[in-house]
Protein backbone atom coordinates (compact mmCIF):
# COMPACT_ATOMS: atom_id res chain seq x y z
CA UNK A 1 23.57 15.60 -12.15
CA UNK A 2 25.83 18.33 -11.63
CA UNK A 3 29.43 17.46 -10.91
CA UNK A 4 32.36 19.48 -9.91
CA UNK A 5 35.95 18.50 -10.24
CA UNK A 6 34.40 15.33 -11.89
CA UNK A 7 32.41 14.01 -8.72
CA UNK A 8 28.44 14.33 -8.54
CA UNK A 9 27.55 17.20 -6.02
CA UNK A 10 23.82 18.37 -6.97
CA UNK A 11 21.21 15.72 -8.20
CA UNK A 12 18.06 17.84 -10.14
CA UNK A 13 14.78 16.36 -10.08
CA UNK A 14 11.19 17.77 -11.59
CA UNK A 15 8.38 18.28 -8.70
CA UNK A 16 6.82 15.48 -9.53
CA UNK A 17 9.82 13.04 -9.32
CA UNK A 18 10.78 14.62 -5.85
CA UNK A 19 7.30 14.39 -4.41
CA UNK A 20 7.26 10.49 -5.57
CA UNK A 21 10.76 10.07 -4.00
CA UNK A 22 9.13 12.00 -0.66
CA UNK A 23 6.38 9.62 -0.55
CA UNK A 24 8.42 6.33 -1.09
CA UNK A 25 10.81 7.62 2.16
CA UNK A 26 7.47 7.96 4.11
CA UNK A 27 6.38 4.86 3.11
CA UNK A 28 9.83 3.32 3.64
CA UNK A 29 10.39 4.73 6.65
CA UNK A 30 6.98 3.42 8.66
CA UNK A 31 7.98 0.31 10.37
CA UNK A 32 4.63 -1.49 11.28
CA UNK A 33 3.68 -0.82 7.42
CA UNK A 34 6.95 -2.38 6.16
CA UNK A 35 6.99 -5.37 8.74
CA UNK A 36 3.59 -5.96 7.12
CA UNK A 37 4.53 -5.56 3.83
CA UNK A 38 7.77 -8.30 4.46
CA UNK A 39 5.21 -10.71 6.15
CA UNK A 40 3.35 -10.78 3.09
CA UNK A 41 6.06 -10.90 0.70
CA UNK A 42 7.39 -14.05 2.78
CA UNK A 43 3.39 -15.48 2.83
CA UNK A 44 3.36 -15.31 -0.78
CA UNK A 45 6.56 -16.61 -1.57
CA UNK A 46 5.42 -19.78 0.49
CA UNK A 47 2.53 -19.76 -1.74
CA UNK A 48 0.22 -18.80 1.36
CA UNK A 49 -2.27 -16.40 -0.86
CA UNK A 50 -5.85 -16.13 -1.30
CA UNK A 51 -7.75 -16.19 -4.44
CA UNK A 52 -9.77 -13.31 -5.64
CA UNK A 53 -13.24 -15.40 -5.46
CA UNK A 54 -12.28 -16.24 -1.96
CA UNK A 55 -11.63 -12.76 -1.14
CA UNK A 56 -15.03 -11.75 -2.45
CA UNK A 57 -17.03 -14.64 -1.16
CA UNK A 58 -15.74 -15.40 2.31
CA UNK A 59 -14.00 -12.25 3.50
CA UNK A 60 -17.09 -9.88 1.90
CA UNK A 61 -14.89 -7.74 -0.49
CA UNK A 62 -16.28 -6.09 -3.76
CA UNK A 63 -15.57 -4.29 -6.46
CA UNK A 64 -16.07 -0.89 -6.86
CA UNK A 65 -14.74 1.52 -9.95
CA UNK A 66 -12.08 -1.28 -10.92
CA UNK A 67 -11.04 -1.63 -6.87
CA UNK A 68 -11.55 -4.09 -4.23
CA UNK A 69 -13.09 -2.79 -1.32
CA UNK A 70 -14.41 -4.69 1.97
CA UNK A 71 -18.03 -3.72 2.95
CA UNK A 72 -18.00 -1.26 6.02
CA UNK A 73 -19.56 -2.15 9.20
CA UNK A 74 -22.31 0.90 10.19
CA UNK A 75 -22.89 1.04 13.74
CA UNK A 76 -25.33 3.67 14.95
CA UNK A 77 -25.82 3.94 18.74
CA UNK A 78 -24.57 0.69 19.55
CA UNK A 79 -27.04 -1.10 16.96
CA UNK A 80 -25.05 -2.40 13.52
CA UNK A 81 -27.35 -0.98 10.90
CA UNK A 82 -25.44 -2.49 7.76
CA UNK A 83 -22.72 -4.59 6.75
C-alpha cells in the first residue's frame, strides 16, 4: 500500500492476485449464480443436503479424475444414444 499524507492512495497487487480479484468480482456480479448460492447455503444450514452416495446412485453422478460429474445424455438426430 502506498500512502500520501498518511492516507492510503494506491494498492499494489501481483498479476495473480489481480486476476483472482477480477474473477471474484465477476462471480459476485452474477445475480443468478449468487441467488442460487445463497439458496444452497440456506438449504445446507437447514440440513437439506444430499449425501455423496445418493448423488452417485440416484442422480447418476460419477467420479472422474477426482471430481464428481453427472453423466451427459448424448442425443443424435432426436434419439438418445447414451446416458
